[in-house]
Protein backbone atom coordinates (compact mmCIF):
# COMPACT_ATOMS: atom_id res chain seq x y z
CA MET A 1 3.87 18.39 -67.92
CA CYS A 2 1.93 19.54 -64.83
CA ILE A 3 -1.73 20.15 -65.72
CA LEU A 4 -1.88 23.38 -63.69
CA ALA A 5 1.20 24.73 -65.42
CA ARG A 6 -0.27 23.88 -68.87
CA TYR A 7 -3.30 26.04 -68.17
CA ASN A 8 -1.03 28.90 -67.13
CA LEU A 9 -2.95 29.71 -63.93
CA PRO A 10 -1.97 32.83 -61.97
CA PRO A 11 0.38 32.40 -58.95
CA SER A 12 -2.29 33.65 -56.49
CA PHE A 13 -4.67 30.87 -57.58
CA LEU A 14 -1.93 28.27 -57.25
CA ALA A 15 -1.14 29.45 -53.70
CA LEU A 16 -4.81 29.24 -52.72
CA LEU A 17 -5.08 25.73 -54.15
CA VAL A 18 -1.99 24.54 -52.24
CA LEU A 19 -3.44 25.96 -49.01
CA LEU A 20 -6.76 24.17 -49.57
CA VAL A 21 -4.97 20.85 -50.20
CA ALA A 22 -2.85 21.29 -47.06
CA CYS A 23 -5.91 22.04 -44.95
CA THR A 24 -7.72 18.99 -46.34
CA MET A 25 -4.74 16.74 -45.56
CA GLY A 26 -4.50 18.20 -42.08
CA CYS A 27 -8.16 17.39 -41.44
CA ILE A 28 -7.68 13.83 -42.69
CA GLN A 29 -4.59 13.39 -40.51
CA SER A 30 -6.31 14.81 -37.43
CA ILE A 31 -9.10 12.26 -37.83
CA ALA A 32 -6.55 9.45 -38.03
CA CYS A 33 -4.40 10.75 -35.15
CA LYS A 34 -4.52 8.98 -31.80
CA PRO A 35 -5.73 11.05 -28.82
CA ARG A 36 -2.76 12.42 -26.88
CA ILE A 37 -2.37 12.17 -23.12
CA ARG A 38 -1.97 15.68 -21.76
CA ARG A 39 -1.61 17.14 -18.26
CA GLU A 40 -5.09 18.64 -18.35
CA ASN A 41 -6.55 15.16 -18.90
CA ILE A 42 -4.87 13.66 -15.83
CA VAL A 43 -6.50 13.98 -12.40
CA VAL A 44 -4.34 13.93 -9.25
CA TYR A 45 -6.06 13.61 -5.89
CA GLU A 46 -5.33 12.83 -2.23
CA VAL A 47 -1.66 13.76 -2.42
CA SER A 48 0.07 13.29 0.92
CA ALA A 49 3.66 13.69 2.11
CA SER A 50 4.81 13.37 5.70
CA ILE A 51 7.64 12.31 8.00
CA ASP A 52 6.72 10.10 10.95
CA GLN A 53 6.40 12.05 14.18
CA CYS A 54 8.96 10.05 16.13
CA PRO A 55 12.61 10.70 17.03
CA THR A 56 15.61 9.00 15.45
CA ILE A 57 16.44 5.71 17.20
CA ILE A 58 20.06 5.09 18.23
CA GLU A 59 21.35 1.50 18.42
CA GLU A 60 24.47 0.65 20.48
CA ASN A 61 24.40 -3.12 20.12
CA SER A 62 27.76 -3.56 18.38
CA PRO A 63 31.28 -2.88 19.73
CA ILE A 64 32.30 -2.01 16.14
CA VAL A 65 29.60 0.41 14.92
CA LEU A 66 26.86 2.71 16.10
CA ARG A 67 23.65 2.53 14.09
CA TYR A 68 20.78 4.99 13.92
CA LYS A 69 17.38 4.76 12.28
CA THR A 70 15.53 7.89 11.26
CA PRO A 71 11.74 8.21 10.95
CA TYR A 72 10.25 7.47 7.53
CA PHE A 73 9.38 9.97 4.84
CA ARG A 74 6.17 8.80 3.17
CA ALA A 75 4.42 9.99 0.01
CA SER A 76 1.23 8.80 -1.64
CA ALA A 77 -1.09 10.00 -4.41
CA GLY A 78 -4.15 8.91 -6.33
CA VAL A 79 -4.12 9.42 -10.10
CA VAL A 80 -6.80 9.03 -12.76
CA MET A 81 -5.24 8.51 -16.19
CA PRO A 82 -7.24 8.97 -19.41
CA PRO A 83 -7.57 6.05 -21.86
CA VAL A 84 -4.18 5.00 -23.19
CA PRO A 85 -3.95 4.75 -27.01
CA ARG A 86 -2.92 1.58 -28.81
CA ASN A 87 0.84 0.94 -28.97
CA GLU A 88 1.54 3.26 -26.02
CA THR A 89 2.70 2.40 -22.51
CA TRP A 90 2.62 4.93 -19.68
CA VAL A 91 4.19 4.61 -16.24
CA VAL A 92 2.98 6.69 -13.30
CA GLY A 93 5.19 6.87 -10.23
CA TRP A 94 7.69 8.62 -7.99
CA ILE A 95 11.13 9.92 -8.98
CA GLN A 96 13.46 11.19 -6.24
CA ALA A 97 16.78 13.06 -6.24
CA CYS A 98 19.18 14.29 -3.59
CA THR A 99 19.87 18.03 -3.85
CA GLN A 100 22.11 18.58 -0.82
CA MET A 101 24.07 16.39 1.62
CA GLU A 102 26.22 17.05 4.68
CA PHE A 103 27.18 13.89 6.58
CA TYR A 104 30.02 14.28 9.10
CA ASN A 105 31.29 11.87 11.77
CA THR A 106 33.68 13.65 14.15
CA TYR A 107 36.42 11.87 16.09
CA GLY A 108 37.49 14.40 18.73
CA ASP A 109 40.53 16.47 17.75
CA ILE A 110 41.81 13.80 15.33
CA GLY A 111 39.55 14.59 12.38
CA MET A 112 36.30 13.53 10.77
CA SER A 113 34.96 11.15 8.17
CA SER A 114 32.38 12.42 5.70
CA TRP A 115 30.14 10.85 3.09
CA GLU A 116 30.17 13.19 0.09
CA LEU A 117 28.66 13.53 -3.38
CA PRO A 118 31.55 15.28 -5.18
CA GLU A 119 29.59 16.52 -8.23
CA LEU A 120 26.86 17.92 -6.01
CA ARG A 121 29.26 19.40 -3.50
CA GLU A 122 31.26 21.17 -6.21
CA GLY A 123 28.12 22.52 -7.89
CA ARG A 124 28.62 20.59 -11.13
CA VAL A 125 25.09 19.15 -10.93
CA LYS A 126 21.89 20.32 -9.24
CA ALA A 127 20.68 16.90 -8.16
CA ILE A 128 21.64 13.21 -8.17
CA SER A 129 19.23 10.32 -8.69
CA ASP A 130 18.04 8.54 -5.58
CA SER A 131 16.71 5.55 -7.53
CA ASP A 132 17.07 2.04 -6.15
CA GLY A 133 19.85 1.53 -8.71
CA VAL A 134 17.76 -0.78 -10.91
CA SER A 135 14.49 0.96 -11.79
CA TYR A 136 15.86 4.21 -13.28
CA PRO A 137 14.49 6.82 -13.28
CA TRP A 138 11.95 5.57 -10.71
CA TYR A 139 12.58 5.42 -6.97
CA GLY A 140 11.45 1.78 -7.02
CA ASN A 141 9.20 -0.61 -8.93
CA THR A 142 6.75 -2.05 -6.40
CA THR A 143 4.27 0.37 -4.81
CA GLU A 144 6.19 3.29 -6.33
CA THR A 145 4.98 2.80 -9.93
CA VAL A 146 2.01 1.59 -11.95
CA THR A 147 2.28 0.68 -15.67
CA LEU A 148 -0.61 1.16 -18.12
CA THR A 149 -0.40 -0.50 -21.54
CA GLY A 150 -2.75 0.61 -24.32
CA PRO A 151 -5.24 0.36 -25.66
CA THR A 152 -7.43 1.05 -22.62
CA SER A 153 -11.04 2.00 -23.29
CA LYS A 154 -11.75 3.96 -20.13
CA PRO A 155 -9.92 6.04 -17.51
CA SER A 156 -7.67 4.14 -15.06
CA ARG A 157 -7.68 4.93 -11.34
CA LEU A 158 -4.45 4.08 -9.50
CA THR A 159 -2.46 4.78 -6.34
CA VAL A 160 1.33 5.08 -6.02
CA SER A 161 3.27 5.34 -2.75
CA MET A 162 6.84 5.36 -1.48
CA ASN A 163 8.85 5.69 1.71
CA ASP A 164 12.46 6.49 2.59
CA ASN A 165 14.64 6.71 5.69
CA PHE A 166 18.28 6.46 6.85
CA TYR A 167 19.69 3.41 8.66
CA PRO A 168 23.51 3.67 8.44
CA SER A 169 26.41 2.36 10.48
CA VAL A 170 29.20 4.57 11.85
CA THR A 171 32.41 3.10 13.27
CA TRP A 172 33.22 3.87 16.89
CA ALA A 173 36.93 3.92 16.00
CA VAL A 174 38.69 6.12 13.45
CA PRO A 175 37.89 4.45 10.08
CA ILE A 176 41.50 4.45 8.82
CA SER A 177 42.96 3.18 12.10
CA ASN A 178 43.82 -0.40 13.04
CA SER A 179 42.73 0.33 16.58
CA ASN A 180 39.26 -0.55 17.89
CA THR A 181 39.35 2.15 20.57
CA PRO A 182 36.16 4.23 20.49
CA MET A 183 36.92 7.81 19.41
CA LEU A 184 33.62 8.93 17.85
CA THR A 185 32.30 12.14 19.44
CA HIS A 186 29.63 13.53 17.11
CA ILE A 187 27.43 12.68 14.12
CA THR A 188 25.85 15.41 11.98
CA ARG A 189 23.68 14.76 8.94
CA ASP A 190 21.60 17.19 6.88
CA GLN A 191 20.18 15.96 3.58
CA SER A 192 17.59 17.44 1.20
CA PHE A 193 15.50 15.82 -1.53
CA ILE A 194 13.01 16.61 -4.27
CA THR A 195 10.38 13.97 -5.01
CA TRP A 196 8.31 14.16 -8.19
CA LEU A 197 5.07 12.42 -9.09
CA VAL A 198 5.43 11.77 -12.83
CA ALA A 199 3.58 10.21 -15.76
CA MET A 200 6.01 9.03 -18.47
CA ASN A 201 5.55 7.52 -21.92
CA SER A 202 7.84 4.47 -21.89
CA ILE A 203 8.45 4.63 -25.64
CA THR A 204 8.91 8.35 -26.36
CA LYS A 205 10.16 9.19 -22.82
CA GLU A 206 7.75 12.14 -22.72
CA ARG A 207 7.38 13.16 -19.06
CA ILE A 208 4.52 14.99 -17.39
CA VAL A 209 5.30 16.26 -13.86
CA LEU A 210 2.13 15.98 -11.78
CA GLN A 211 3.36 16.99 -8.31
CA THR A 212 6.56 18.17 -6.64
CA VAL A 213 7.53 17.59 -2.99
CA ARG A 214 10.56 18.96 -1.14
CA TRP A 215 11.75 17.42 2.12
CA ARG A 216 14.72 17.35 4.45
CA MET A 217 16.12 14.97 7.07
CA ARG A 218 18.47 16.10 9.84
CA VAL A 219 20.35 14.09 12.47
CA ASP A 220 22.46 15.44 15.35
CA ILE A 221 23.97 12.91 17.77
CA ALA A 222 26.45 13.61 20.58
CA VAL A 223 28.73 10.74 21.64
CA ASP A 224 30.88 10.22 24.74
CA PRO A 225 33.34 7.45 23.74
CA ASP A 226 34.48 7.03 27.37
CA MET A 227 31.06 5.78 28.44
CA PRO A 228 30.22 2.05 28.38
CA LEU A 229 28.56 0.58 25.29
CA GLY A 230 24.83 1.19 25.45
CA SER A 231 25.02 4.63 27.03
CA ARG A 232 27.44 6.60 24.82
CA ALA A 233 25.17 8.38 22.33
CA SER A 234 22.22 10.75 22.64
CA LEU A 235 20.15 12.92 20.32
CA VAL A 236 20.72 16.64 20.53
CA GLY A 237 18.75 19.44 18.89
CA ARG A 238 15.19 19.06 17.65
CA PRO A 239 13.71 15.58 18.25
CA TYR A 240 11.23 15.70 15.34
CA GLN A 241 11.72 16.40 11.65
CA GLU A 242 10.32 19.33 9.70
CA GLN A 243 7.37 18.17 7.63
CA PRO A 244 7.68 18.00 3.80
CA HIS A 245 6.42 20.77 1.53
CA ILE A 246 3.96 19.87 -1.23
CA LEU A 247 4.59 22.64 -3.75
CA ASN A 248 1.81 24.50 -5.56
CA TYR A 249 4.01 24.63 -8.66
CA GLN A 250 6.02 22.00 -10.52
CA GLU A 251 9.82 22.03 -10.59
CA PRO A 252 11.62 20.65 -13.66
CA ILE A 253 13.57 17.41 -13.26
CA PRO A 254 17.35 17.88 -13.77
CA PRO A 255 18.98 15.37 -16.16
CA ASN A 256 21.13 13.83 -13.40
CA ALA A 257 18.00 12.92 -11.46
CA LEU A 258 16.94 10.51 -14.21
CA GLY A 259 19.90 8.18 -14.75
CA ARG A 260 23.08 6.65 -13.41
CA PRO A 261 24.76 6.97 -11.05
CA ASN A 262 22.38 7.06 -8.13
CA ALA A 263 23.39 8.67 -4.84
CA ASN A 264 24.49 5.39 -3.23
CA ASP A 265 26.88 4.63 -6.10
CA ALA A 266 28.16 8.21 -6.46
CA GLN A 267 28.99 8.86 -2.81
CA VAL A 268 32.54 8.83 -1.47
CA LEU A 269 33.72 8.28 2.11
CA MET A 270 36.48 10.76 2.91
CA TRP A 271 38.77 10.98 5.91
CA ARG A 272 39.60 14.61 6.71
CA PRO A 273 42.23 14.79 9.47
CA ARG A 274 42.71 17.89 11.61
CA ARG A 275 46.25 17.95 10.26
CA GLY A 276 47.32 16.60 6.89
CA ALA A 277 45.73 15.90 3.52
CA PRO A 278 42.28 14.32 3.01
CA LEU A 279 42.16 10.63 2.15
CA VAL A 280 39.61 8.63 0.14
CA VAL A 281 38.47 5.72 2.32
CA ILE A 282 35.72 4.32 0.06
CA PRO A 283 35.65 5.49 -3.60
CA PRO A 284 32.47 5.75 -5.69
CA LYS A 285 31.22 2.53 -7.26
């Protein structure tokens, strides 16, 4: 028989005793608990985000494809992490996702090819991962991330950086044609991204967003297919890109920005003729 019940103590006394025991246990547990890494204990400094102040470079070296190379988006930040407890591993780095993409290659009055992200285009997701396809959810695993394994006895100072640009090939001829006759007349590309600086617990997957950057890359190229190779294409519109925006608030990371597929694997090349039904040229991977 319970000793307290045998002495027939009043319910109010029993409730008080239970509360005292709970408080005592809580104090004991709090002493034993490991210190938690919280946002207020992390210092972020010297955050930078920019796009190189140079125009897109057009390459007409191949009779099969036109290539263009955009300026680089670059991001960098310094972070001071508090001591990491024993049996914990934290990764600090950059996560990037595509939030909007328009990529059209026009072939006169015949039609156009377009690289598309179907789920994004149809509004089924808000963003798609732009990871390298290996290091999910991170953009990459060289300069883009730093891993801290506990226990560490003092704060850790680190720097993480990343860069991104476009360097695609576009066929001079209609992509579904057997002909090599140049027909390309225009290239339009407008793509938007969100880039997050994040600290993540590798075991629990707890994420702390430290900084949010929004940026956009636009390309507008006019092509005269009747001109000789080397003098067909020229930039039109603004020669320089709008600079990125480092936000003074943190945006949440959508689930699709954290895992497979990434944008390169999810994209589809469509042929959209002026007359007739659209055709899938290259399906998603």
